């Protein structure tokens, strides 16, 4: 299986972003802040998940998907209020 490709759009974003995972229809995505603390957990449907980033601070966040072969893919997202 090829590496899953994560993408967030828009990025930078203001309160809502869509995260897509190419190559995997159902996956779990963790959203982490700059300190490594998990701030949200998402489940994809048809390879997409929407993150409503309400109640958190502006800044840099990371989305991580863990594939079945124990490899992970990570992207950086910028949340601007």
N, C-alpha and C. Protein backbone atom coordinates (compact mmCIF):
# COMPACT_ATOMS: atom_id res chain seq x y z
N UNK A 1 0.84 -1.18 0.00
CA UNK A 1 0.00 0.00 0.00
C UNK A 1 0.88 1.24 0.00
N UNK A 2 0.60 2.19 -0.86
CA UNK A 2 1.34 3.44 -0.89
C UNK A 2 1.02 4.26 0.34
N UNK A 3 1.91 5.18 0.65
CA UNK A 3 1.69 6.05 1.80
C UNK A 3 0.43 6.89 1.59
N UNK A 4 -0.35 7.01 2.64
CA UNK A 4 -1.54 7.86 2.56
C UNK A 4 -1.09 9.30 2.50
N UNK A 5 -1.75 10.07 1.68
CA UNK A 5 -1.42 11.48 1.57
C UNK A 5 -2.49 12.29 2.28
N UNK A 6 -2.08 13.05 3.26
CA UNK A 6 -2.99 13.93 3.99
C UNK A 6 -2.95 15.31 3.35
N UNK A 7 -4.11 15.95 3.36
CA UNK A 7 -4.19 17.32 2.86
C UNK A 7 -5.30 18.01 3.63
N UNK A 8 -5.08 19.27 3.96
CA UNK A 8 -6.11 20.07 4.63
C UNK A 8 -6.39 21.29 3.76
N UNK A 9 -7.66 21.58 3.58
CA UNK A 9 -8.02 22.78 2.82
C UNK A 9 -9.26 23.40 3.42
N UNK A 10 -9.31 24.68 3.59
CA UNK A 10 -8.19 25.59 3.36
C UNK A 10 -7.13 25.42 4.45
N UNK A 11 -5.95 25.86 4.17
CA UNK A 11 -4.84 25.85 5.11
C UNK A 11 -3.87 26.94 4.71
N UNK A 12 -3.77 28.00 5.49
CA UNK A 12 -4.34 28.31 6.80
C UNK A 12 -5.86 28.39 6.74
N UNK A 13 -6.48 28.20 7.93
CA UNK A 13 -7.95 28.18 8.00
C UNK A 13 -8.44 29.00 9.17
N UNK A 14 -9.72 29.31 9.14
CA UNK A 14 -10.37 30.05 10.21
C UNK A 14 -11.58 29.24 10.67
N UNK A 15 -11.40 28.46 11.68
CA UNK A 15 -12.39 27.67 12.41
C UNK A 15 -12.82 26.35 11.75
N UNK A 16 -12.78 26.22 10.43
CA UNK A 16 -13.19 24.95 9.79
C UNK A 16 -12.19 24.60 8.68
N UNK A 17 -11.75 23.34 8.67
CA UNK A 17 -10.93 22.84 7.59
C UNK A 17 -11.33 21.40 7.28
N UNK A 18 -11.18 21.01 6.03
CA UNK A 18 -11.48 19.65 5.61
C UNK A 18 -10.16 18.92 5.41
N UNK A 19 -10.05 17.75 6.02
CA UNK A 19 -8.84 16.95 5.92
C UNK A 19 -9.17 15.74 5.05
N UNK A 20 -8.37 15.52 4.02
CA UNK A 20 -8.57 14.37 3.14
C UNK A 20 -7.41 13.40 3.30
N UNK A 21 -7.74 12.13 3.18
CA UNK A 21 -6.74 11.06 3.25
C UNK A 21 -6.87 10.27 1.96
N UNK A 22 -5.93 10.41 1.08
CA UNK A 22 -5.96 9.68 -0.20
C UNK A 22 -5.50 8.25 0.02
N UNK A 23 -6.26 7.31 -0.52
CA UNK A 23 -5.88 5.91 -0.44
C UNK A 23 -6.51 5.15 0.71
N UNK A 24 -7.18 5.85 1.63
CA UNK A 24 -7.85 5.19 2.75
C UNK A 24 -9.22 5.82 2.92
N UNK A 25 -10.28 5.02 2.81
CA UNK A 25 -11.63 5.59 2.95
C UNK A 25 -12.02 5.82 4.40
N UNK A 26 -11.64 4.91 5.29
CA UNK A 26 -11.97 5.05 6.70
C UNK A 26 -10.68 5.05 7.50
N UNK A 27 -10.47 6.14 8.26
CA UNK A 27 -9.25 6.27 9.05
C UNK A 27 -9.55 7.12 10.27
N UNK A 28 -8.71 6.98 11.27
CA UNK A 28 -8.76 7.84 12.44
C UNK A 28 -7.68 8.89 12.31
N UNK A 29 -8.06 10.14 12.58
CA UNK A 29 -7.12 11.25 12.49
C UNK A 29 -7.04 11.90 13.87
N UNK A 30 -5.83 12.10 14.34
CA UNK A 30 -5.60 12.83 15.58
C UNK A 30 -5.13 14.23 15.26
N UNK A 31 -5.66 15.22 15.98
CA UNK A 31 -5.22 16.60 15.84
C UNK A 31 -4.43 16.96 17.10
N UNK A 32 -3.21 17.46 16.91
CA UNK A 32 -2.32 17.74 18.02
C UNK A 32 -1.87 19.20 17.99
N UNK A 33 -1.68 19.78 19.18
CA UNK A 33 -1.14 21.14 19.24
C UNK A 33 0.37 21.08 19.18
N UNK A 34 1.00 22.23 19.27
CA UNK A 34 2.45 22.33 19.11
C UNK A 34 3.22 21.61 20.23
N UNK A 35 2.56 21.39 21.39
CA UNK A 35 3.21 20.69 22.49
C UNK A 35 3.04 19.18 22.40
N UNK A 36 2.26 18.71 21.42
CA UNK A 36 2.03 17.28 21.26
C UNK A 36 0.77 16.79 21.94
N UNK A 37 0.02 17.68 22.54
CA UNK A 37 -1.23 17.30 23.21
C UNK A 37 -2.32 17.10 22.17
N UNK A 38 -3.04 15.99 22.26
CA UNK A 38 -4.13 15.73 21.33
C UNK A 38 -5.31 16.62 21.71
N UNK A 39 -5.80 17.41 20.72
CA UNK A 39 -6.90 18.34 20.97
C UNK A 39 -8.20 17.90 20.31
N UNK A 40 -8.13 16.96 19.38
CA UNK A 40 -9.34 16.47 18.71
C UNK A 40 -9.04 15.13 18.05
N UNK A 41 -10.09 14.34 17.91
CA UNK A 41 -10.02 13.08 17.19
C UNK A 41 -11.13 13.05 16.15
N UNK A 42 -10.78 12.68 14.95
CA UNK A 42 -11.76 12.65 13.85
C UNK A 42 -11.77 11.27 13.20
N UNK A 43 -12.88 10.93 12.60
CA UNK A 43 -12.99 9.72 11.79
C UNK A 43 -13.36 10.15 10.38
N UNK A 44 -12.66 9.59 9.41
CA UNK A 44 -12.96 9.95 8.02
C UNK A 44 -14.14 9.13 7.52
N UNK A 45 -14.82 9.71 6.57
CA UNK A 45 -15.88 9.03 5.84
C UNK A 45 -15.62 9.33 4.37
N UNK A 46 -15.47 8.29 3.57
CA UNK A 46 -15.09 8.44 2.17
C UNK A 46 -13.80 9.23 2.02
N UNK A 47 -12.87 9.04 2.95
CA UNK A 47 -11.57 9.68 2.88
C UNK A 47 -11.53 11.13 3.31
N UNK A 48 -12.61 11.65 3.92
CA UNK A 48 -12.65 13.05 4.34
C UNK A 48 -13.17 13.19 5.75
N UNK A 49 -12.66 14.21 6.44
CA UNK A 49 -13.16 14.57 7.76
C UNK A 49 -13.12 16.09 7.87
N UNK A 50 -14.08 16.65 8.58
CA UNK A 50 -14.13 18.09 8.77
C UNK A 50 -13.79 18.39 10.23
N UNK A 51 -12.85 19.30 10.44
CA UNK A 51 -12.47 19.72 11.78
C UNK A 51 -13.05 21.10 12.05
N UNK A 52 -13.91 21.17 13.05
CA UNK A 52 -14.46 22.43 13.53
C UNK A 52 -13.62 22.82 14.74
N UNK A 53 -12.69 23.73 14.54
CA UNK A 53 -11.71 24.09 15.57
C UNK A 53 -12.22 25.20 16.47
N UNK A 54 -13.34 24.94 17.10
CA UNK A 54 -13.93 25.94 17.98
C UNK A 54 -13.42 25.73 19.40
N UNK A 55 -13.22 26.82 20.11
CA UNK A 55 -12.80 26.74 21.50
C UNK A 55 -11.32 26.49 21.71
N UNK A 56 -10.52 26.59 20.67
CA UNK A 56 -9.07 26.44 20.82
C UNK A 56 -8.39 27.71 20.32
N UNK A 57 -7.15 27.86 20.69
CA UNK A 57 -6.37 29.06 20.33
C UNK A 57 -5.86 29.00 18.90
N UNK A 58 -5.64 30.17 18.33
CA UNK A 58 -4.96 30.24 17.04
C UNK A 58 -3.57 29.64 17.19
N UNK A 59 -3.04 29.10 16.11
CA UNK A 59 -1.69 28.56 16.17
C UNK A 59 -1.47 27.44 15.18
N UNK A 60 -0.40 26.71 15.42
CA UNK A 60 0.00 25.60 14.55
C UNK A 60 -0.50 24.31 15.16
N UNK A 61 -1.11 23.48 14.32
CA UNK A 61 -1.63 22.17 14.72
C UNK A 61 -1.15 21.13 13.72
N UNK A 62 -1.16 19.90 14.15
CA UNK A 62 -0.74 18.79 13.30
C UNK A 62 -1.85 17.75 13.22
N UNK A 63 -2.10 17.26 12.02
CA UNK A 63 -3.04 16.17 11.81
C UNK A 63 -2.22 14.92 11.51
N UNK A 64 -2.58 13.82 12.18
CA UNK A 64 -1.85 12.57 11.98
C UNK A 64 -2.84 11.44 11.72
N UNK A 65 -2.57 10.68 10.69
CA UNK A 65 -3.34 9.47 10.41
C UNK A 65 -2.40 8.29 10.61
N UNK A 66 -2.89 7.28 11.31
CA UNK A 66 -2.11 6.07 11.52
C UNK A 66 -2.68 4.99 10.62
N UNK A 67 -1.83 4.47 9.74
CA UNK A 67 -2.26 3.44 8.80
C UNK A 67 -2.17 2.07 9.44
N UNK A 68 -2.79 1.09 8.80
CA UNK A 68 -2.83 -0.27 9.33
C UNK A 68 -1.44 -0.91 9.42
N UNK A 69 -0.47 -0.43 8.65
CA UNK A 69 0.88 -1.00 8.71
C UNK A 69 1.74 -0.28 9.75
N UNK A 70 1.10 0.46 10.67
CA UNK A 70 1.74 1.16 11.79
C UNK A 70 2.58 2.36 11.36
N UNK A 71 2.47 2.78 10.13
CA UNK A 71 3.16 3.99 9.70
C UNK A 71 2.18 5.15 9.79
N UNK A 72 2.70 6.33 10.11
CA UNK A 72 1.80 7.48 10.21
C UNK A 72 2.21 8.55 9.22
N UNK A 73 1.24 9.36 8.86
CA UNK A 73 1.47 10.53 8.01
C UNK A 73 1.00 11.74 8.79
N UNK A 74 1.77 12.83 8.71
CA UNK A 74 1.48 14.03 9.49
C UNK A 74 1.53 15.25 8.57
N UNK A 75 0.58 16.18 8.79
CA UNK A 75 0.63 17.46 8.09
C UNK A 75 0.51 18.58 9.12
N UNK A 76 1.02 19.74 8.75
CA UNK A 76 0.93 20.92 9.59
C UNK A 76 -0.21 21.79 9.10
N UNK A 77 -0.99 22.32 10.05
CA UNK A 77 -2.10 23.21 9.72
C UNK A 77 -1.95 24.48 10.55
N UNK A 78 -2.39 25.59 9.98
CA UNK A 78 -2.32 26.87 10.68
C UNK A 78 -3.73 27.40 10.88
N UNK A 79 -4.08 27.61 12.15
CA UNK A 79 -5.41 28.10 12.52
C UNK A 79 -5.28 29.59 12.84
N UNK A 80 -5.95 30.40 12.05
CA UNK A 80 -5.96 31.87 12.23
C UNK A 80 -7.36 32.32 12.56
N UNK A 81 -7.50 33.01 13.66
CA UNK A 81 -8.82 33.55 14.02
C UNK A 81 -9.00 34.92 13.43
